[in-house]
């Protein structure tokens, strides 16, 4: 599996992933707002995909992630792993790559996921997934387009890797 920045050629793959989760999130595949958001994230180099190692032809994507990096608050706007790849570390690899690539300093990473009472909360494994990555449940937020409950999850992040505190020179 490789994780890489998404390109324009990945739009059909994102729509294919969206089609697998419309029963939880409401219509996306035919929604111009959704495809516009994907294209916008791709153009801004804020979209990642996970794919099988390059082979002949173009296999369907294993997963996709749309990210927003407005320090000090960073946001996972959308993360989906294909049905065939769930439980194989794809989501964790996408989040880890996004954290290395987009998180620039101390702050908070936020994601909105299913509320505890949403039918997809357990079946999708999303809440447990984020908790295993160190995110904590926070306040409830507006319901999703299908009417289901949603909740914010947050993760406090420190300095990016490789950044060290340098002592401030003392006046003598």
N, C-alpha and C. Protein backbone atom coordinates (compact mmCIF):
# COMPACT_ATOMS: atom_id res chain seq x y z
N UNK A 1 0.85 -1.18 0.00
CA UNK A 1 0.00 0.00 0.00
C UNK A 1 0.89 1.24 0.00
N UNK A 2 0.48 2.22 -0.77
CA UNK A 2 1.16 3.51 -0.77
C UNK A 2 0.14 4.60 -0.43
N UNK A 3 0.60 5.61 0.28
CA UNK A 3 -0.20 6.81 0.55
C UNK A 3 0.48 7.94 -0.20
N UNK A 4 -0.30 8.70 -0.95
CA UNK A 4 0.25 9.78 -1.76
C UNK A 4 -0.77 10.91 -1.87
N UNK A 5 -0.26 12.06 -2.33
CA UNK A 5 -1.18 13.16 -2.65
C UNK A 5 -2.08 12.72 -3.78
N UNK A 6 -3.34 13.11 -3.70
CA UNK A 6 -4.29 12.78 -4.75
C UNK A 6 -4.08 13.69 -5.94
N UNK A 7 -4.40 13.17 -7.11
CA UNK A 7 -4.37 13.95 -8.35
C UNK A 7 -5.76 13.96 -8.96
N UNK A 8 -5.93 14.75 -10.00
CA UNK A 8 -7.23 14.87 -10.67
C UNK A 8 -7.76 13.50 -11.10
N UNK A 9 -6.85 12.60 -11.48
CA UNK A 9 -7.27 11.27 -11.93
C UNK A 9 -7.90 10.44 -10.81
N UNK A 10 -7.78 10.91 -9.56
CA UNK A 10 -8.34 10.17 -8.42
C UNK A 10 -9.79 10.54 -8.10
N UNK A 11 -10.35 11.55 -8.78
CA UNK A 11 -11.74 11.94 -8.50
C UNK A 11 -12.71 10.76 -8.63
N UNK A 12 -12.65 9.95 -9.69
CA UNK A 12 -13.57 8.80 -9.74
C UNK A 12 -13.39 7.85 -8.55
N UNK A 13 -12.15 7.68 -8.09
CA UNK A 13 -11.91 6.83 -6.93
C UNK A 13 -12.55 7.39 -5.67
N UNK A 14 -12.47 8.71 -5.48
CA UNK A 14 -13.13 9.34 -4.34
C UNK A 14 -14.64 9.13 -4.42
N UNK A 15 -15.20 9.28 -5.62
CA UNK A 15 -16.65 9.08 -5.78
C UNK A 15 -17.03 7.63 -5.52
N UNK A 16 -16.16 6.69 -5.93
CA UNK A 16 -16.41 5.29 -5.62
C UNK A 16 -16.41 5.02 -4.12
N UNK A 17 -15.47 5.64 -3.40
CA UNK A 17 -15.45 5.50 -1.93
C UNK A 17 -16.71 6.11 -1.32
N UNK A 18 -17.10 7.28 -1.82
CA UNK A 18 -18.29 7.95 -1.29
C UNK A 18 -19.52 7.08 -1.49
N UNK A 19 -19.61 6.39 -2.61
CA UNK A 19 -20.75 5.53 -2.87
C UNK A 19 -20.87 4.40 -1.87
N UNK A 20 -19.76 4.00 -1.28
CA UNK A 20 -19.78 2.91 -0.29
C UNK A 20 -20.31 3.35 1.07
N UNK A 21 -20.37 4.66 1.32
CA UNK A 21 -20.79 5.14 2.65
C UNK A 21 -21.99 6.09 2.60
N UNK A 22 -22.64 6.18 1.44
CA UNK A 22 -23.80 7.07 1.34
C UNK A 22 -24.93 6.66 2.29
N UNK A 23 -25.02 5.39 2.61
CA UNK A 23 -26.07 4.96 3.54
C UNK A 23 -25.85 5.54 4.94
N UNK A 24 -24.64 5.98 5.26
CA UNK A 24 -24.36 6.61 6.55
C UNK A 24 -24.35 8.13 6.47
N UNK A 25 -23.93 8.67 5.33
CA UNK A 25 -23.70 10.11 5.22
C UNK A 25 -24.70 10.84 4.34
N UNK A 26 -25.53 10.12 3.62
CA UNK A 26 -26.42 10.76 2.67
C UNK A 26 -25.76 10.87 1.31
N UNK A 27 -26.51 11.33 0.32
CA UNK A 27 -26.01 11.37 -1.06
C UNK A 27 -24.76 12.24 -1.21
N UNK A 28 -23.76 11.69 -1.87
CA UNK A 28 -22.52 12.44 -2.15
C UNK A 28 -22.10 12.29 -3.61
N UNK A 29 -22.24 11.10 -4.17
CA UNK A 29 -21.71 10.81 -5.49
C UNK A 29 -22.27 11.78 -6.53
N UNK A 30 -23.56 12.05 -6.49
CA UNK A 30 -24.18 12.93 -7.48
C UNK A 30 -24.30 14.36 -6.97
N UNK A 31 -23.72 14.66 -5.82
CA UNK A 31 -23.79 16.01 -5.25
C UNK A 31 -22.62 16.84 -5.78
N UNK A 32 -22.92 17.89 -6.58
CA UNK A 32 -21.84 18.72 -7.11
C UNK A 32 -21.02 19.39 -6.00
N UNK A 33 -21.63 19.63 -4.85
CA UNK A 33 -20.89 20.23 -3.74
C UNK A 33 -19.80 19.30 -3.22
N UNK A 34 -20.10 18.00 -3.15
CA UNK A 34 -19.11 17.04 -2.69
C UNK A 34 -17.98 16.91 -3.70
N UNK A 35 -18.30 16.68 -4.97
CA UNK A 35 -17.23 16.53 -5.96
C UNK A 35 -16.43 17.83 -6.08
N UNK A 36 -17.10 18.98 -5.93
CA UNK A 36 -16.38 20.26 -5.94
C UNK A 36 -15.40 20.36 -4.78
N UNK A 37 -15.82 19.89 -3.60
CA UNK A 37 -14.93 19.91 -2.43
C UNK A 37 -13.73 19.00 -2.64
N UNK A 38 -13.95 17.84 -3.26
CA UNK A 38 -12.84 16.93 -3.54
C UNK A 38 -11.86 17.59 -4.50
N UNK A 39 -12.37 18.18 -5.58
CA UNK A 39 -11.51 18.84 -6.57
C UNK A 39 -10.75 19.99 -5.92
N UNK A 40 -11.42 20.75 -5.05
CA UNK A 40 -10.77 21.87 -4.35
C UNK A 40 -9.63 21.37 -3.47
N UNK A 41 -9.86 20.30 -2.71
CA UNK A 41 -8.82 19.73 -1.85
C UNK A 41 -7.65 19.19 -2.69
N UNK A 42 -7.97 18.54 -3.81
CA UNK A 42 -6.91 18.02 -4.68
C UNK A 42 -6.08 19.19 -5.21
N UNK A 43 -6.74 20.24 -5.69
CA UNK A 43 -6.03 21.40 -6.25
C UNK A 43 -5.14 22.07 -5.22
N UNK A 44 -5.56 22.06 -3.95
CA UNK A 44 -4.79 22.68 -2.88
C UNK A 44 -3.76 21.73 -2.27
N UNK A 45 -3.62 20.54 -2.84
CA UNK A 45 -2.71 19.51 -2.30
C UNK A 45 -3.05 19.17 -0.85
N UNK A 46 -4.35 19.05 -0.56
CA UNK A 46 -4.83 18.69 0.77
C UNK A 46 -5.69 17.43 0.73
N UNK A 47 -5.46 16.61 -0.29
CA UNK A 47 -6.18 15.34 -0.42
C UNK A 47 -5.15 14.22 -0.54
N UNK A 48 -5.38 13.16 0.20
CA UNK A 48 -4.50 11.99 0.16
C UNK A 48 -5.29 10.77 -0.27
N UNK A 49 -4.60 9.83 -0.91
CA UNK A 49 -5.21 8.55 -1.23
C UNK A 49 -4.29 7.43 -0.80
N UNK A 50 -4.89 6.31 -0.49
CA UNK A 50 -4.15 5.07 -0.24
C UNK A 50 -4.53 4.14 -1.39
N UNK A 51 -3.51 3.54 -1.99
CA UNK A 51 -3.74 2.66 -3.13
C UNK A 51 -2.83 1.44 -3.01
N UNK A 52 -3.25 0.37 -3.67
CA UNK A 52 -2.37 -0.79 -3.77
C UNK A 52 -1.13 -0.36 -4.53
N UNK A 53 -0.03 -1.07 -4.34
CA UNK A 53 1.19 -0.77 -5.11
C UNK A 53 0.82 -0.71 -6.58
N UNK A 54 1.49 0.16 -7.30
CA UNK A 54 1.17 0.36 -8.72
C UNK A 54 1.21 -0.98 -9.47
N UNK A 55 0.12 -1.26 -10.16
CA UNK A 55 0.01 -2.47 -10.97
C UNK A 55 -0.56 -2.07 -12.32
N UNK A 56 -0.66 -3.01 -13.21
CA UNK A 56 -1.27 -2.73 -14.51
C UNK A 56 -2.71 -2.29 -14.28
N UNK A 57 -3.13 -1.28 -14.99
CA UNK A 57 -4.47 -0.75 -14.80
C UNK A 57 -4.50 0.11 -13.55
N UNK A 58 -5.63 0.66 -13.25
CA UNK A 58 -5.74 1.49 -12.05
C UNK A 58 -6.74 0.86 -11.09
N UNK A 59 -6.24 0.20 -10.03
CA UNK A 59 -7.15 -0.45 -9.09
C UNK A 59 -7.93 0.61 -8.30
N UNK A 60 -9.09 0.22 -7.78
CA UNK A 60 -9.84 1.16 -6.96
C UNK A 60 -9.02 1.60 -5.75
N UNK A 61 -9.30 2.79 -5.28
CA UNK A 61 -8.59 3.29 -4.10
C UNK A 61 -8.95 2.48 -2.86
N UNK A 62 -7.97 2.33 -1.98
CA UNK A 62 -8.21 1.69 -0.69
C UNK A 62 -8.82 2.68 0.29
N UNK A 63 -8.50 3.96 0.14
CA UNK A 63 -9.03 4.98 1.04
C UNK A 63 -8.68 6.36 0.55
N UNK A 64 -9.36 7.34 1.12
CA UNK A 64 -9.11 8.73 0.78
C UNK A 64 -9.34 9.63 1.97
N UNK A 65 -8.64 10.76 2.00
CA UNK A 65 -8.72 11.70 3.11
C UNK A 65 -8.65 13.13 2.55
N UNK A 66 -9.51 13.99 3.06
CA UNK A 66 -9.47 15.42 2.74
C UNK A 66 -9.12 16.14 4.03
N UNK A 67 -8.14 17.06 3.96
CA UNK A 67 -7.59 17.68 5.17
C UNK A 67 -7.64 19.19 5.06
N UNK A 68 -7.80 19.84 6.19
CA UNK A 68 -7.74 21.30 6.27
C UNK A 68 -6.68 21.69 7.27
N UNK A 69 -5.77 22.54 6.86
CA UNK A 69 -4.65 22.92 7.72
C UNK A 69 -4.65 24.43 7.94
N UNK A 70 -5.40 24.87 8.92
CA UNK A 70 -5.43 26.28 9.31
C UNK A 70 -4.95 26.37 10.75
N UNK A 71 -3.62 26.34 10.93
CA UNK A 71 -3.03 26.33 12.27
C UNK A 71 -3.63 27.46 13.10
N UNK A 72 -3.87 27.20 14.37
CA UNK A 72 -3.51 26.02 15.15
C UNK A 72 -4.58 24.93 15.16
N UNK A 73 -5.65 25.10 14.36
CA UNK A 73 -6.68 24.06 14.29
C UNK A 73 -6.59 23.38 12.94
N UNK A 74 -6.38 22.08 12.96
CA UNK A 74 -6.27 21.27 11.76
C UNK A 74 -7.50 20.36 11.73
N UNK A 75 -8.01 20.07 10.53
CA UNK A 75 -9.24 19.30 10.45
C UNK A 75 -9.16 18.18 9.42
N UNK A 76 -9.60 17.02 9.85
CA UNK A 76 -9.85 15.93 8.91
C UNK A 76 -11.27 16.18 8.41
N UNK A 77 -11.40 16.60 7.16
CA UNK A 77 -12.72 16.93 6.62
C UNK A 77 -13.49 15.69 6.20
N UNK A 78 -12.76 14.67 5.76
CA UNK A 78 -13.42 13.46 5.25
C UNK A 78 -12.39 12.35 5.20
N UNK A 79 -12.76 11.18 5.69
CA UNK A 79 -11.88 10.02 5.66
C UNK A 79 -12.74 8.79 5.44
N UNK A 80 -12.45 8.05 4.38
CA UNK A 80 -13.18 6.82 4.11
C UNK A 80 -12.19 5.76 3.66
N UNK A 81 -12.39 4.56 4.17
CA UNK A 81 -11.62 3.38 3.76
C UNK A 81 -12.60 2.45 3.05
N UNK A 82 -12.18 1.89 1.93
CA UNK A 82 -13.06 1.01 1.16
C UNK A 82 -13.45 -0.20 2.00
N UNK A 83 -14.61 -0.74 1.68
CA UNK A 83 -15.10 -1.91 2.42
C UNK A 83 -14.08 -3.04 2.40
N UNK A 84 -13.42 -3.26 1.26
CA UNK A 84 -12.49 -4.38 1.13
C UNK A 84 -11.20 -4.18 1.92
N UNK A 85 -10.92 -2.95 2.34
CA UNK A 85 -9.64 -2.67 3.00
C UNK A 85 -9.78 -2.32 4.48
N UNK A 86 -11.00 -2.31 5.00
CA UNK A 86 -11.17 -1.96 6.41
C UNK A 86 -10.49 -2.98 7.31
N UNK A 87 -9.88 -2.47 8.38
CA UNK A 87 -9.19 -3.32 9.33
C UNK A 87 -7.77 -3.68 8.91
N UNK A 88 -7.26 -3.07 7.84
CA UNK A 88 -5.91 -3.39 7.34
C UNK A 88 -4.92 -2.25 7.58
N UNK A 89 -5.30 -1.23 8.37
CA UNK A 89 -4.37 -0.15 8.67
C UNK A 89 -4.38 1.00 7.69
N UNK A 90 -5.31 0.99 6.75
CA UNK A 90 -5.37 2.03 5.72
C UNK A 90 -5.72 3.38 6.34
N UNK A 91 -6.75 3.42 7.18
CA UNK A 91 -7.14 4.69 7.81
C UNK A 91 -6.03 5.26 8.66
N UNK A 92 -5.38 4.42 9.44
CA UNK A 92 -4.27 4.88 10.27
C UNK A 92 -3.12 5.42 9.44
N UNK A 93 -2.84 4.76 8.31
CA UNK A 93 -1.76 5.22 7.43
C UNK A 93 -2.11 6.58 6.82
N UNK A 94 -3.36 6.78 6.42
CA UNK A 94 -3.78 8.07 5.87
C UNK A 94 -3.66 9.17 6.92
N UNK A 95 -4.12 8.91 8.14
CA UNK A 95 -4.04 9.93 9.19
C UNK A 95 -2.59 10.22 9.54
N UNK A 96 -1.76 9.18 9.67
CA UNK A 96 -0.34 9.39 9.99
C UNK A 96 0.34 10.24 8.93
N UNK A 97 0.07 9.96 7.66
CA UNK A 97 0.68 10.74 6.58
C UNK A 97 0.18 12.18 6.63
N UNK A 98 -1.10 12.37 6.87
CA UNK A 98 -1.65 13.73 6.96
C UNK A 98 -1.00 14.50 8.11
N UNK A 99 -0.80 13.84 9.23
CA UNK A 99 -0.19 14.50 10.39
C UNK A 99 1.24 14.94 10.06
N UNK A 100 2.01 14.07 9.40
CA UNK A 100 3.39 14.43 9.04
C UNK A 100 3.42 15.53 7.98
N UNK A 101 2.50 15.44 7.06
CA UNK A 101 2.53 16.33 5.90
C UNK A 101 1.93 17.71 6.18
N UNK A 102 0.87 17.78 6.98
CA UNK A 102 0.08 19.01 7.10
C UNK A 102 0.13 19.70 8.46
N UNK A 103 0.41 18.97 9.53
CA UNK A 103 0.38 19.57 10.86
C UNK A 103 1.72 20.22 11.12
N UNK A 104 1.70 21.53 11.32
CA UNK A 104 2.93 22.31 11.36
C UNK A 104 3.36 22.75 12.75
N UNK A 105 2.62 22.49 13.76
CA UNK A 105 3.06 22.91 15.08
C UNK A 105 2.02 22.59 16.13
N UNK A 106 2.22 23.15 17.29
CA UNK A 106 1.25 22.89 18.35
C UNK A 106 -0.15 23.33 17.92
N UNK A 107 -1.12 22.57 18.33
CA UNK A 107 -2.50 22.89 18.00
C UNK A 107 -3.41 21.73 18.29
N UNK A 108 -4.51 21.69 17.55
CA UNK A 108 -5.52 20.66 17.74
C UNK A 108 -5.95 20.13 16.39
N UNK A 109 -6.09 18.81 16.30
CA UNK A 109 -6.66 18.19 15.11
C UNK A 109 -8.08 17.80 15.47
N UNK A 110 -9.02 18.21 14.63
CA UNK A 110 -10.43 17.91 14.88
C UNK A 110 -11.00 17.08 13.74
N UNK A 111 -11.97 16.27 14.08
CA UNK A 111 -12.73 15.52 13.09
C UNK A 111 -14.15 15.40 13.62
N UNK A 112 -15.11 15.46 12.73
CA UNK A 112 -16.50 15.23 13.10
C UNK A 112 -16.85 13.83 12.64
N UNK A 113 -17.36 13.02 13.57
CA UNK A 113 -17.75 11.66 13.23
C UNK A 113 -19.14 11.39 13.80
N UNK A 114 -19.56 10.15 13.72
CA UNK A 114 -20.89 9.78 14.18
C UNK A 114 -21.07 10.01 15.67
N UNK A 115 -22.26 10.45 16.05
CA UNK A 115 -22.62 10.49 17.46
C UNK A 115 -22.79 9.07 17.97
N UNK A 116 -22.73 8.89 19.28
CA UNK A 116 -22.80 7.55 19.87
C UNK A 116 -24.08 6.81 19.51
N UNK A 117 -25.18 7.54 19.25
CA UNK A 117 -26.45 6.89 18.96
C UNK A 117 -26.68 6.66 17.46
N UNK A 118 -25.74 7.05 16.62
CA UNK A 118 -25.89 6.89 15.17
C UNK A 118 -25.70 5.42 14.81
N UNK A 119 -26.54 4.87 13.92
CA UNK A 119 -26.38 3.46 13.53
C UNK A 119 -25.00 3.13 12.97
N UNK A 120 -24.34 4.07 12.33
CA UNK A 120 -23.02 3.82 11.77
C UNK A 120 -21.90 3.88 12.79
N UNK A 121 -22.19 4.35 14.00
CA UNK A 121 -21.14 4.55 15.00
C UNK A 121 -20.40 3.25 15.32
N UNK A 122 -21.12 2.17 15.47
CA UNK A 122 -20.50 0.89 15.81
C UNK A 122 -20.09 0.15 14.55
N UNK A 123 -20.99 0.08 13.58
CA UNK A 123 -20.74 -0.69 12.36
C UNK A 123 -19.51 -0.18 11.63
N UNK A 124 -19.36 1.13 11.53
CA UNK A 124 -18.22 1.69 10.80
C UNK A 124 -16.92 1.59 11.60
N UNK A 125 -17.04 1.56 12.91
CA UNK A 125 -15.85 1.53 13.76
C UNK A 125 -15.17 2.88 13.88
N UNK A 126 -15.79 3.95 13.36
CA UNK A 126 -15.14 5.26 13.31
C UNK A 126 -14.77 5.79 14.69
N UNK A 127 -15.68 5.72 15.64
CA UNK A 127 -15.40 6.28 16.97
C UNK A 127 -14.23 5.54 17.63
N UNK A 128 -14.25 4.23 17.58
CA UNK A 128 -13.16 3.44 18.17
C UNK A 128 -11.86 3.72 17.43
N UNK A 129 -11.92 3.85 16.11
CA UNK A 129 -10.75 4.16 15.31
C UNK A 129 -10.09 5.44 15.80
N UNK A 130 -10.86 6.52 15.92
CA UNK A 130 -10.28 7.80 16.35
C UNK A 130 -9.77 7.73 17.79
N UNK A 131 -10.49 7.03 18.66
CA UNK A 131 -10.03 6.90 20.04
C UNK A 131 -8.69 6.15 20.10
N UNK A 132 -8.52 5.14 19.28
CA UNK A 132 -7.24 4.40 19.25
C UNK A 132 -6.10 5.27 18.77
N UNK A 133 -6.41 6.29 17.96
CA UNK A 133 -5.39 7.22 17.50
C UNK A 133 -5.11 8.33 18.51
N UNK A 134 -5.84 8.32 19.64
CA UNK A 134 -5.60 9.31 20.68
C UNK A 134 -6.59 10.46 20.70
N UNK A 135 -7.55 10.47 19.80
CA UNK A 135 -8.58 11.51 19.79
C UNK A 135 -9.53 11.28 20.96
N UNK A 136 -10.09 12.38 21.47
CA UNK A 136 -11.06 12.31 22.56
C UNK A 136 -12.39 12.88 22.10
N UNK A 137 -13.49 12.24 22.53
CA UNK A 137 -14.79 12.80 22.17
C UNK A 137 -14.99 14.16 22.82
N UNK A 138 -15.58 15.09 22.07
CA UNK A 138 -15.85 16.44 22.58
C UNK A 138 -17.34 16.71 22.42
N UNK A 139 -17.68 17.93 22.08
CA UNK A 139 -19.09 18.32 22.02
C UNK A 139 -19.82 17.73 20.80
N UNK A 140 -21.13 17.63 20.95
CA UNK A 140 -21.98 17.26 19.83
C UNK A 140 -21.99 18.43 18.85
N UNK A 141 -22.27 18.12 17.59
CA UNK A 141 -22.36 19.17 16.59
C UNK A 141 -23.59 18.92 15.72
N UNK A 142 -23.76 19.74 14.70
CA UNK A 142 -24.96 19.63 13.86
C UNK A 142 -25.09 18.23 13.28
N UNK A 143 -26.34 17.78 13.11
CA UNK A 143 -26.56 16.46 12.51
C UNK A 143 -26.04 16.42 11.07
N UNK A 144 -25.78 15.22 10.59
CA UNK A 144 -25.35 15.05 9.21
C UNK A 144 -26.51 15.26 8.25
N UNK A 145 -26.22 15.27 6.95
CA UNK A 145 -27.26 15.54 5.96
C UNK A 145 -28.38 14.49 5.96
N UNK A 146 -28.08 13.30 6.45
CA UNK A 146 -29.10 12.25 6.53
C UNK A 146 -29.89 12.34 7.83
N UNK A 147 -29.53 13.30 8.70
CA UNK A 147 -30.24 13.51 9.96
C UNK A 147 -29.62 12.83 11.16
N UNK A 148 -28.57 12.05 10.97
CA UNK A 148 -27.94 11.34 12.08
C UNK A 148 -27.06 12.24 12.93
N UNK A 149 -26.90 11.87 14.19
CA UNK A 149 -26.12 12.68 15.12
C UNK A 149 -24.63 12.65 14.76
N UNK A 150 -23.95 13.74 15.15
CA UNK A 150 -22.52 13.88 14.90
C UNK A 150 -21.84 14.40 16.16
N UNK A 151 -20.56 14.08 16.30
CA UNK A 151 -19.78 14.52 17.45
C UNK A 151 -18.37 14.89 17.00
N UNK A 152 -17.84 15.94 17.62
CA UNK A 152 -16.47 16.36 17.36
C UNK A 152 -15.53 15.48 18.19
N UNK A 153 -14.43 15.08 17.58
CA UNK A 153 -13.33 14.41 18.27
C UNK A 153 -12.10 15.30 18.11
N UNK A 154 -11.28 15.40 19.16
CA UNK A 154 -10.09 16.27 19.12
C UNK A 154 -8.85 15.52 19.60
N UNK A 155 -7.73 15.97 19.03
CA UNK A 155 -6.42 15.47 19.41
C UNK A 155 -5.49 16.66 19.54
N UNK A 156 -4.91 16.83 20.73
CA UNK A 156 -3.92 17.89 20.93
C UNK A 156 -2.60 17.41 20.33
N UNK A 157 -1.95 18.29 19.58
CA UNK A 157 -0.66 17.95 18.97
C UNK A 157 0.39 18.94 19.43
N UNK A 158 1.60 18.45 19.61
CA UNK A 158 2.71 19.29 20.04
C UNK A 158 3.53 19.73 18.86
N UNK A 159 4.80 19.84 19.09
CA UNK A 159 5.71 20.27 18.03
C UNK A 159 5.82 19.18 16.97
N UNK A 160 6.01 19.60 15.71
CA UNK A 160 6.25 18.59 14.68
C UNK A 160 7.56 17.86 14.94
N UNK A 161 7.69 16.68 14.41
CA UNK A 161 8.91 15.88 14.58
C UNK A 161 10.12 16.65 14.08
N UNK A 162 11.22 16.56 14.79
CA UNK A 162 12.45 17.20 14.37
C UNK A 162 12.61 18.63 14.84
N UNK A 163 11.59 19.21 15.45
CA UNK A 163 11.69 20.58 15.94
C UNK A 163 12.15 20.52 17.40
N UNK A 164 13.19 21.23 17.71
CA UNK A 164 13.71 21.21 19.08
C UNK A 164 13.61 22.59 19.67
N UNK A 165 13.46 22.62 20.98
CA UNK A 165 13.49 23.92 21.68
C UNK A 165 14.93 24.41 21.71
N UNK A 166 15.15 25.61 21.32
CA UNK A 166 16.48 26.20 21.40
C UNK A 166 16.46 27.19 22.56
N UNK A 167 17.49 27.14 23.40
CA UNK A 167 17.52 28.07 24.53
C UNK A 167 17.60 29.52 24.03
N UNK A 168 16.90 30.38 24.73
CA UNK A 168 16.95 31.81 24.41
C UNK A 168 18.23 32.39 24.98
N UNK A 169 18.99 33.12 24.16
CA UNK A 169 20.24 33.70 24.68
C UNK A 169 19.94 34.63 25.87
N UNK A 170 20.74 34.54 26.89
CA UNK A 170 20.57 35.35 28.08
C UNK A 170 21.43 36.61 27.96
N UNK A 171 20.86 37.72 28.32
CA UNK A 171 21.64 38.99 28.36
C UNK A 171 22.58 38.94 29.55
N UNK A 172 23.79 39.45 29.40
CA UNK A 172 24.72 39.42 30.54
C UNK A 172 24.92 40.79 31.11
